[in-house]
Amino acid sequence: MSMNRNRQDWWRSVATRRDQLHQELFAARVSYAKFERAILAQEKQFLREARTESERRHIRARTARTLFTEAFAFGLPWKDFGRALRRFQRLGLSDSDDRVHAACLYVQSLDLFPKRAREAWTLLEDAERRTKALRRANPLRKENLEAIAHTKQVARVRRPEHR
């Protein structure tokens, strides 16, 4: 029991330290490159503290989601945004929420790289299909369908016609 309590406390400390670093970086108005370096350095620290492969996977996934989200927020060009997206796809798309998050931000960023529209919209359609497959009672289902509907409304680059 105490072991479990210790891990809960550790995870809480991970969340607190992560939030603290984000606040410091945002307050300092650092570039994405500096943001990425700081987040990856912190990830290394968390990976050293992790006890299991499952904990390490979770840490990598959350870091990948954070870097991808900030790549979107910074309005990065495809070279950098695409790298963050691929890392998130490789390490972080463990659940419906992550898939919807990735697809929605990808479609909403298409005005920066419209040639990627087919891939982004395909990702969104896949996320929508998977979300609709969730049980109606699942609170994420409604929330994620709303996020997808919002993305479709605000998208500045439409889905290319099928050939």
N, C-alpha and C. Protein backbone atom coordinates (compact mmCIF):
# COMPACT_ATOMS: atom_id res chain seq x y z
N MET A 1 0.82 -1.20 0.00
CA MET A 1 0.00 0.00 0.00
C MET A 1 0.86 1.26 0.00
N SER A 2 1.90 1.30 0.86
CA SER A 2 2.73 2.50 0.93
C SER A 2 3.49 2.72 -0.38
N MET A 3 3.83 1.62 -1.06
CA MET A 3 4.51 1.73 -2.36
C MET A 3 3.61 2.46 -3.34
N ASN A 4 2.34 2.07 -3.38
CA ASN A 4 1.39 2.70 -4.27
C ASN A 4 1.24 4.19 -3.93
N ARG A 5 1.15 4.50 -2.64
CA ARG A 5 1.04 5.89 -2.19
C ARG A 5 2.27 6.68 -2.64
N ASN A 6 3.45 6.06 -2.54
CA ASN A 6 4.68 6.73 -2.96
C ASN A 6 4.64 7.05 -4.45
N ARG A 7 4.13 6.15 -5.25
CA ARG A 7 4.07 6.40 -6.70
C ARG A 7 3.05 7.49 -7.02
N GLN A 8 1.94 7.47 -6.30
CA GLN A 8 0.94 8.54 -6.49
C GLN A 8 1.55 9.90 -6.17
N ASP A 9 2.29 9.94 -5.07
CA ASP A 9 2.97 11.18 -4.69
C ASP A 9 3.99 11.59 -5.76
N TRP A 10 4.72 10.60 -6.27
CA TRP A 10 5.71 10.90 -7.31
C TRP A 10 5.02 11.44 -8.55
N TRP A 11 3.94 10.80 -9.01
CA TRP A 11 3.22 11.29 -10.19
C TRP A 11 2.70 12.70 -9.97
N ARG A 12 2.22 12.97 -8.75
CA ARG A 12 1.76 14.34 -8.44
C ARG A 12 2.93 15.32 -8.55
N SER A 13 4.10 14.90 -8.07
CA SER A 13 5.28 15.78 -8.15
C SER A 13 5.70 15.99 -9.61
N VAL A 14 5.55 14.95 -10.43
CA VAL A 14 5.85 15.09 -11.87
C VAL A 14 4.93 16.15 -12.47
N ALA A 15 3.64 16.05 -12.19
CA ALA A 15 2.67 17.01 -12.73
C ALA A 15 2.97 18.43 -12.24
N THR A 16 3.29 18.56 -10.98
CA THR A 16 3.58 19.88 -10.41
C THR A 16 4.83 20.49 -11.03
N ARG A 17 5.89 19.67 -11.13
CA ARG A 17 7.15 20.17 -11.70
C ARG A 17 6.98 20.51 -13.18
N ARG A 18 6.21 19.70 -13.88
CA ARG A 18 5.95 19.97 -15.31
C ARG A 18 5.21 21.30 -15.46
N ASP A 19 4.16 21.48 -14.67
CA ASP A 19 3.38 22.74 -14.72
C ASP A 19 4.26 23.94 -14.37
N GLN A 20 5.09 23.77 -13.36
CA GLN A 20 5.98 24.85 -12.93
C GLN A 20 6.92 25.28 -14.05
N LEU A 21 7.52 24.29 -14.71
CA LEU A 21 8.43 24.59 -15.81
C LEU A 21 7.69 25.29 -16.94
N HIS A 22 6.52 24.81 -17.29
CA HIS A 22 5.73 25.45 -18.35
C HIS A 22 5.47 26.91 -18.01
N GLN A 23 5.06 27.18 -16.79
CA GLN A 23 4.77 28.56 -16.38
C GLN A 23 6.01 29.43 -16.48
N GLU A 24 7.14 28.90 -16.05
CA GLU A 24 8.40 29.66 -16.13
C GLU A 24 8.75 29.96 -17.58
N LEU A 25 8.62 28.95 -18.44
CA LEU A 25 8.98 29.14 -19.85
C LEU A 25 8.04 30.12 -20.54
N PHE A 26 6.73 30.02 -20.25
CA PHE A 26 5.77 30.95 -20.85
C PHE A 26 6.03 32.37 -20.36
N ALA A 27 6.31 32.52 -19.07
CA ALA A 27 6.57 33.84 -18.51
C ALA A 27 7.83 34.46 -19.14
N ALA A 28 8.81 33.61 -19.43
CA ALA A 28 10.06 34.08 -20.03
C ALA A 28 9.92 34.30 -21.54
N ARG A 29 8.79 33.90 -22.10
CA ARG A 29 8.54 34.04 -23.55
C ARG A 29 9.68 33.49 -24.40
N VAL A 30 10.07 32.26 -24.09
CA VAL A 30 11.19 31.64 -24.80
C VAL A 30 10.75 31.18 -26.20
N SER A 31 11.72 30.96 -27.05
CA SER A 31 11.45 30.43 -28.38
C SER A 31 11.05 28.96 -28.26
N TYR A 32 10.49 28.41 -29.33
CA TYR A 32 10.12 27.00 -29.29
C TYR A 32 11.36 26.13 -29.07
N ALA A 33 12.48 26.48 -29.71
CA ALA A 33 13.70 25.68 -29.56
C ALA A 33 14.13 25.61 -28.09
N LYS A 34 14.08 26.72 -27.38
CA LYS A 34 14.45 26.72 -25.96
C LYS A 34 13.40 25.97 -25.15
N PHE A 35 12.13 26.13 -25.49
CA PHE A 35 11.04 25.41 -24.82
C PHE A 35 11.28 23.91 -24.95
N GLU A 36 11.53 23.47 -26.19
CA GLU A 36 11.74 22.05 -26.46
C GLU A 36 12.93 21.50 -25.67
N ARG A 37 14.04 22.23 -25.67
CA ARG A 37 15.23 21.78 -24.93
C ARG A 37 14.93 21.63 -23.44
N ALA A 38 14.23 22.60 -22.87
CA ALA A 38 13.91 22.55 -21.44
C ALA A 38 12.97 21.39 -21.12
N ILE A 39 11.97 21.18 -21.96
CA ILE A 39 11.01 20.10 -21.73
C ILE A 39 11.70 18.74 -21.86
N LEU A 40 12.56 18.60 -22.86
CA LEU A 40 13.27 17.32 -23.04
C LEU A 40 14.27 17.06 -21.91
N ALA A 41 14.90 18.12 -21.39
CA ALA A 41 15.81 17.96 -20.26
C ALA A 41 15.03 17.49 -19.03
N GLN A 42 13.85 18.08 -18.83
CA GLN A 42 13.02 17.66 -17.71
C GLN A 42 12.54 16.21 -17.91
N GLU A 43 12.20 15.86 -19.15
CA GLU A 43 11.78 14.49 -19.43
C GLU A 43 12.89 13.52 -19.02
N LYS A 44 14.15 13.84 -19.35
CA LYS A 44 15.28 12.98 -18.99
C LYS A 44 15.32 12.75 -17.48
N GLN A 45 15.10 13.83 -16.73
CA GLN A 45 15.08 13.72 -15.25
C GLN A 45 13.97 12.77 -14.82
N PHE A 46 12.77 12.96 -15.37
CA PHE A 46 11.64 12.09 -15.00
C PHE A 46 11.91 10.64 -15.39
N LEU A 47 12.54 10.42 -16.54
CA LEU A 47 12.85 9.06 -16.97
C LEU A 47 13.83 8.39 -16.01
N ARG A 48 14.78 9.16 -15.47
CA ARG A 48 15.72 8.61 -14.49
C ARG A 48 14.98 8.22 -13.20
N GLU A 49 13.95 8.98 -12.86
CA GLU A 49 13.19 8.72 -11.62
C GLU A 49 12.17 7.59 -11.80
N ALA A 50 11.76 7.34 -13.03
CA ALA A 50 10.73 6.32 -13.28
C ALA A 50 11.25 4.95 -12.89
N ARG A 51 10.33 4.10 -12.43
CA ARG A 51 10.73 2.77 -11.98
C ARG A 51 10.38 1.67 -12.97
N THR A 52 9.40 1.93 -13.81
CA THR A 52 8.95 0.87 -14.72
C THR A 52 8.93 1.36 -16.16
N GLU A 53 8.90 0.41 -17.07
CA GLU A 53 8.81 0.77 -18.49
C GLU A 53 7.48 1.48 -18.77
N SER A 54 6.44 1.07 -18.10
CA SER A 54 5.13 1.70 -18.25
C SER A 54 5.18 3.18 -17.85
N GLU A 55 5.86 3.47 -16.76
CA GLU A 55 6.02 4.88 -16.33
C GLU A 55 6.82 5.66 -17.37
N ARG A 56 7.88 5.05 -17.88
CA ARG A 56 8.70 5.73 -18.89
C ARG A 56 7.90 6.00 -20.17
N ARG A 57 7.09 5.01 -20.60
CA ARG A 57 6.25 5.21 -21.78
C ARG A 57 5.28 6.37 -21.58
N HIS A 58 4.67 6.42 -20.40
CA HIS A 58 3.71 7.49 -20.11
C HIS A 58 4.39 8.86 -20.11
N ILE A 59 5.57 8.94 -19.53
CA ILE A 59 6.31 10.21 -19.51
C ILE A 59 6.65 10.65 -20.93
N ARG A 60 7.14 9.72 -21.75
CA ARG A 60 7.47 10.06 -23.14
C ARG A 60 6.22 10.51 -23.91
N ALA A 61 5.11 9.84 -23.66
CA ALA A 61 3.86 10.18 -24.36
C ALA A 61 3.40 11.58 -23.97
N ARG A 62 3.44 11.91 -22.69
CA ARG A 62 3.00 13.25 -22.25
C ARG A 62 3.93 14.33 -22.78
N THR A 63 5.22 14.04 -22.82
CA THR A 63 6.18 15.01 -23.37
C THR A 63 5.90 15.23 -24.85
N ALA A 64 5.66 14.15 -25.57
CA ALA A 64 5.38 14.25 -27.01
C ALA A 64 4.12 15.09 -27.24
N ARG A 65 3.08 14.88 -26.43
CA ARG A 65 1.84 15.66 -26.57
C ARG A 65 2.12 17.14 -26.30
N THR A 66 2.88 17.43 -25.27
CA THR A 66 3.21 18.82 -24.93
C THR A 66 3.96 19.50 -26.06
N LEU A 67 4.99 18.83 -26.58
CA LEU A 67 5.80 19.43 -27.66
C LEU A 67 4.97 19.64 -28.92
N PHE A 68 4.10 18.69 -29.23
CA PHE A 68 3.22 18.83 -30.41
C PHE A 68 2.26 20.00 -30.21
N THR A 69 1.65 20.09 -29.04
CA THR A 69 0.70 21.16 -28.76
C THR A 69 1.39 22.52 -28.89
N GLU A 70 2.58 22.62 -28.37
CA GLU A 70 3.31 23.89 -28.45
C GLU A 70 3.80 24.17 -29.87
N ALA A 71 4.13 23.14 -30.64
CA ALA A 71 4.49 23.35 -32.04
C ALA A 71 3.32 24.01 -32.77
N PHE A 72 2.11 23.57 -32.45
CA PHE A 72 0.90 24.18 -33.00
C PHE A 72 0.77 25.62 -32.51
N ALA A 73 0.89 25.84 -31.21
CA ALA A 73 0.71 27.17 -30.62
C ALA A 73 1.74 28.16 -31.17
N PHE A 74 2.95 27.69 -31.43
CA PHE A 74 4.00 28.56 -31.96
C PHE A 74 3.85 28.79 -33.47
N GLY A 75 2.94 28.05 -34.12
CA GLY A 75 2.74 28.21 -35.56
C GLY A 75 3.98 27.82 -36.36
N LEU A 76 4.59 26.72 -35.98
CA LEU A 76 5.85 26.31 -36.61
C LEU A 76 5.65 25.82 -38.04
N PRO A 77 6.69 25.96 -38.86
CA PRO A 77 6.63 25.43 -40.23
C PRO A 77 6.62 23.89 -40.20
N TRP A 78 6.28 23.29 -41.34
CA TRP A 78 6.11 21.84 -41.40
C TRP A 78 7.31 21.07 -40.88
N LYS A 79 8.51 21.52 -41.20
CA LYS A 79 9.73 20.82 -40.79
C LYS A 79 9.69 20.53 -39.28
N ASP A 80 9.32 21.51 -38.49
CA ASP A 80 9.30 21.37 -37.04
C ASP A 80 7.97 20.80 -36.54
N PHE A 81 6.87 21.30 -37.10
CA PHE A 81 5.55 20.80 -36.70
C PHE A 81 5.44 19.32 -37.05
N GLY A 82 5.86 18.95 -38.24
CA GLY A 82 5.80 17.56 -38.69
C GLY A 82 6.63 16.64 -37.81
N ARG A 83 7.80 17.12 -37.38
CA ARG A 83 8.66 16.34 -36.48
C ARG A 83 7.94 16.11 -35.14
N ALA A 84 7.32 17.15 -34.61
CA ALA A 84 6.59 17.02 -33.33
C ALA A 84 5.37 16.10 -33.50
N LEU A 85 4.69 16.21 -34.64
CA LEU A 85 3.53 15.35 -34.91
C LEU A 85 3.97 13.88 -34.99
N ARG A 86 5.03 13.61 -35.72
CA ARG A 86 5.50 12.22 -35.88
C ARG A 86 5.92 11.64 -34.53
N ARG A 87 6.57 12.45 -33.71
CA ARG A 87 6.98 11.97 -32.38
C ARG A 87 5.73 11.66 -31.55
N PHE A 88 4.74 12.53 -31.61
CA PHE A 88 3.49 12.31 -30.87
C PHE A 88 2.80 11.05 -31.38
N GLN A 89 2.79 10.87 -32.70
CA GLN A 89 2.15 9.67 -33.26
C GLN A 89 2.90 8.40 -32.82
N ARG A 90 4.21 8.48 -32.75
CA ARG A 90 5.02 7.32 -32.38
C ARG A 90 4.92 7.01 -30.89
N LEU A 91 4.88 8.04 -30.04
CA LEU A 91 4.97 7.84 -28.59
C LEU A 91 3.69 8.11 -27.82
N GLY A 92 2.78 8.87 -28.42
CA GLY A 92 1.72 9.38 -27.58
C GLY A 92 0.28 9.05 -27.92
N LEU A 93 0.01 8.49 -29.07
CA LEU A 93 -1.39 8.30 -29.43
C LEU A 93 -1.95 7.02 -28.82
N SER A 94 -2.00 7.02 -27.49
CA SER A 94 -2.40 5.82 -26.79
C SER A 94 -3.91 5.73 -26.59
N ASP A 95 -4.61 6.82 -26.77
CA ASP A 95 -6.05 6.78 -26.53
C ASP A 95 -6.79 7.71 -27.49
N SER A 96 -8.10 7.62 -27.43
CA SER A 96 -8.98 8.39 -28.30
C SER A 96 -8.73 9.89 -28.13
N ASP A 97 -8.55 10.33 -26.90
CA ASP A 97 -8.35 11.74 -26.63
C ASP A 97 -7.10 12.27 -27.34
N ASP A 98 -6.00 11.51 -27.27
CA ASP A 98 -4.76 11.92 -27.94
C ASP A 98 -4.95 11.96 -29.46
N ARG A 99 -5.63 10.96 -30.02
CA ARG A 99 -5.85 10.92 -31.47
C ARG A 99 -6.65 12.13 -31.93
N VAL A 100 -7.69 12.46 -31.18
CA VAL A 100 -8.54 13.61 -31.53
C VAL A 100 -7.72 14.90 -31.41
N HIS A 101 -6.95 15.01 -30.35
CA HIS A 101 -6.11 16.19 -30.13
C HIS A 101 -5.15 16.40 -31.31
N ALA A 102 -4.46 15.33 -31.69
CA ALA A 102 -3.50 15.41 -32.80
C ALA A 102 -4.20 15.80 -34.10
N ALA A 103 -5.30 15.14 -34.39
CA ALA A 103 -6.01 15.39 -35.66
C ALA A 103 -6.57 16.81 -35.71
N CYS A 104 -7.17 17.26 -34.62
CA CYS A 104 -7.77 18.59 -34.61
C CYS A 104 -6.71 19.69 -34.80
N LEU A 105 -5.61 19.59 -34.08
CA LEU A 105 -4.57 20.62 -34.23
C LEU A 105 -3.93 20.55 -35.60
N TYR A 106 -3.77 19.36 -36.15
CA TYR A 106 -3.19 19.21 -37.48
C TYR A 106 -4.08 19.90 -38.52
N VAL A 107 -5.37 19.62 -38.50
CA VAL A 107 -6.29 20.25 -39.47
C VAL A 107 -6.33 21.77 -39.26
N GLN A 108 -6.31 22.20 -38.01
CA GLN A 108 -6.38 23.65 -37.76
C GLN A 108 -5.10 24.38 -38.15
N SER A 109 -4.03 23.67 -38.36
CA SER A 109 -2.76 24.31 -38.74
C SER A 109 -2.52 24.28 -40.25
N LEU A 110 -3.44 23.71 -41.00
CA LEU A 110 -3.21 23.48 -42.44
C LEU A 110 -2.98 24.75 -43.26
N ASP A 111 -3.41 25.89 -42.77
CA ASP A 111 -3.14 27.11 -43.54
C ASP A 111 -1.63 27.35 -43.66
N LEU A 112 -0.83 26.75 -42.76
CA LEU A 112 0.63 26.89 -42.82
C LEU A 112 1.26 25.89 -43.81
N PHE A 113 0.59 24.78 -44.05
CA PHE A 113 1.09 23.76 -44.99
C PHE A 113 -0.09 23.05 -45.64
N PRO A 114 -0.80 23.75 -46.56
CA PRO A 114 -2.02 23.21 -47.17
C PRO A 114 -1.80 21.93 -47.98
N LYS A 115 -0.58 21.67 -48.43
CA LYS A 115 -0.33 20.45 -49.20
C LYS A 115 -0.50 19.19 -48.35
N ARG A 116 -0.56 19.34 -47.03
CA ARG A 116 -0.70 18.19 -46.13
C ARG A 116 -2.19 17.91 -45.82
N ALA A 117 -3.09 18.61 -46.51
CA ALA A 117 -4.52 18.55 -46.18
C ALA A 117 -5.09 17.13 -46.22
N ARG A 118 -4.75 16.38 -47.24
CA ARG A 118 -5.32 15.02 -47.35
C ARG A 118 -4.96 14.18 -46.13
N GLU A 119 -3.69 14.19 -45.74
CA GLU A 119 -3.24 13.42 -44.58
C GLU A 119 -3.94 13.90 -43.30
N ALA A 120 -4.01 15.21 -43.11
CA ALA A 120 -4.61 15.76 -41.88
C ALA A 120 -6.09 15.41 -41.78
N TRP A 121 -6.82 15.58 -42.88
CA TRP A 121 -8.26 15.28 -42.86
C TRP A 121 -8.51 13.78 -42.69
N THR A 122 -7.64 12.96 -43.26
CA THR A 122 -7.77 11.51 -43.08
C THR A 122 -7.59 11.15 -41.60
N LEU A 123 -6.62 11.80 -40.95
CA LEU A 123 -6.40 11.59 -39.53
C LEU A 123 -7.64 12.01 -38.72
N LEU A 124 -8.23 13.14 -39.10
CA LEU A 124 -9.43 13.62 -38.40
C LEU A 124 -10.60 12.65 -38.59
N GLU A 125 -10.77 12.17 -39.81
CA GLU A 125 -11.86 11.22 -40.07
C GLU A 125 -11.67 9.92 -39.29
N ASP A 126 -10.43 9.46 -39.20
CA ASP A 126 -10.14 8.26 -38.42
C ASP A 126 -10.44 8.49 -36.93
N ALA A 127 -10.03 9.65 -36.43
CA ALA A 127 -10.29 9.98 -35.03
C ALA A 127 -11.80 10.06 -34.77
N GLU A 128 -12.53 10.61 -35.72
CA GLU A 128 -13.98 10.73 -35.57
C GLU A 128 -14.63 9.34 -35.58
N ARG A 129 -14.20 8.50 -36.49
CA ARG A 129 -14.74 7.14 -36.57
C ARG A 129 -14.49 6.37 -35.27
N ARG A 130 -13.27 6.47 -34.76
CA ARG A 130 -12.92 5.78 -33.51
C ARG A 130 -13.70 6.36 -32.32
N THR A 131 -13.90 7.67 -32.34
CA THR A 131 -14.64 8.32 -31.25
C THR A 131 -16.10 7.88 -31.27
N LYS A 132 -16.67 7.79 -32.46
CA LYS A 132 -18.07 7.35 -32.57
C LYS A 132 -18.23 5.90 -32.13
N ALA A 133 -17.16 5.15 -32.15
CA ALA A 133 -17.21 3.75 -31.72
C ALA A 133 -17.20 3.60 -30.19
N LEU A 134 -16.88 4.70 -29.49
CA LEU A 134 -16.91 4.65 -28.03
C LEU A 134 -18.35 4.55 -27.55
N ARG A 135 -18.53 4.00 -26.38
CA ARG A 135 -19.88 3.90 -25.81
C ARG A 135 -20.45 5.30 -25.60
N ARG A 136 -21.74 5.43 -25.82
CA ARG A 136 -22.39 6.73 -25.65
C ARG A 136 -22.23 7.29 -24.24
N ALA A 137 -22.11 6.41 -23.26
CA ALA A 137 -21.97 6.85 -21.87
C ALA A 137 -20.58 7.41 -21.56
N ASN A 138 -19.62 7.15 -22.43
CA ASN A 138 -18.25 7.62 -22.20
C ASN A 138 -18.22 9.15 -22.36
N PRO A 139 -17.84 9.88 -21.30
CA PRO A 139 -17.84 11.35 -21.38
C PRO A 139 -16.88 11.90 -22.44
N LEU A 140 -15.82 11.16 -22.74
CA LEU A 140 -14.89 11.61 -23.78
C LEU A 140 -15.53 11.62 -25.16
N ARG A 141 -16.49 10.74 -25.36
CA ARG A 141 -17.13 10.64 -26.68
C ARG A 141 -17.76 11.99 -27.06
N LYS A 142 -18.60 12.52 -26.21
CA LYS A 142 -19.29 13.79 -26.49
C LYS A 142 -18.27 14.93 -26.62
N GLU A 143 -17.34 14.99 -25.67
CA GLU A 143 -16.33 16.05 -25.66
C GLU A 143 -15.49 16.03 -26.95
N ASN A 144 -15.04 14.84 -27.35
CA ASN A 144 -14.20 14.73 -28.53
C ASN A 144 -14.99 14.98 -29.82
N LEU A 145 -16.24 14.54 -29.87
CA LEU A 145 -17.06 14.84 -31.05
C LEU A 145 -17.29 16.34 -31.18
N GLU A 146 -17.43 17.03 -30.05
CA GLU A 146 -17.56 18.49 -30.07
C GLU A 146 -16.28 19.15 -30.58
N ALA A 147 -15.14 18.64 -30.14
CA ALA A 147 -13.85 19.18 -30.59
C ALA A 147 -13.70 18.98 -32.10
N ILE A 148 -14.09 17.83 -32.59
CA ILE A 148 -14.01 17.54 -34.03
C ILE A 148 -14.95 18.45 -34.81
N ALA A 149 -16.17 18.62 -34.32
CA ALA A 149 -17.13 19.52 -34.99
C ALA A 149 -16.59 20.95 -35.02
N HIS A 150 -15.99 21.39 -33.93
CA HIS A 150 -15.40 22.73 -33.87
C HIS A 150 -14.28 22.87 -34.90
N THR A 151 -13.43 21.86 -34.97
CA THR A 151 -12.32 21.88 -35.92
C THR A 151 -12.85 21.99 -37.35
N LYS A 152 -13.88 21.24 -37.68
CA LYS A 152 -14.46 21.30 -39.02
C LYS A 152 -14.99 22.69 -39.32
N GLN A 153 -15.54 23.35 -38.30
CA GLN A 153 -16.08 24.71 -38.47
C GLN A 153 -14.98 25.74 -38.72
N VAL A 154 -13.89 25.64 -37.95
CA VAL A 154 -12.86 26.69 -38.02
C VAL A 154 -11.75 26.39 -39.02
N ALA A 155 -11.74 25.20 -39.58
CA ALA A 155 -10.67 24.83 -40.53
C ALA A 155 -10.64 25.83 -41.69
N ARG A 156 -9.45 26.35 -41.97
CA ARG A 156 -9.30 27.31 -43.06
C ARG A 156 -8.92 26.62 -44.37
N VAL A 157 -8.50 25.34 -44.27
CA VAL A 157 -8.19 24.56 -45.46
C VAL A 157 -9.15 23.39 -45.47
N ARG A 158 -9.96 23.34 -46.52
CA ARG A 158 -10.99 22.29 -46.64
C ARG A 158 -10.35 20.96 -47.00
N ARG A 159 -11.13 19.92 -46.83
CA ARG A 159 -10.67 18.59 -47.20
C ARG A 159 -10.63 18.48 -48.71
N PRO A 160 -9.53 17.98 -49.27
CA PRO A 160 -9.47 17.80 -50.73
C PRO A 160 -10.49 16.76 -51.15
N GLU A 161 -11.00 16.92 -52.35
CA GLU A 161 -11.97 15.95 -52.90
C GLU A 161 -11.27 14.63 -53.12
N HIS A 162 -12.01 13.53 -52.91
CA HIS A 162 -11.43 12.21 -53.21
C HIS A 162 -11.26 12.07 -54.71
N ARG A 163 -10.22 11.38 -55.11
CA ARG A 163 -9.98 11.19 -56.55
C ARG A 163 -10.82 10.06 -57.06
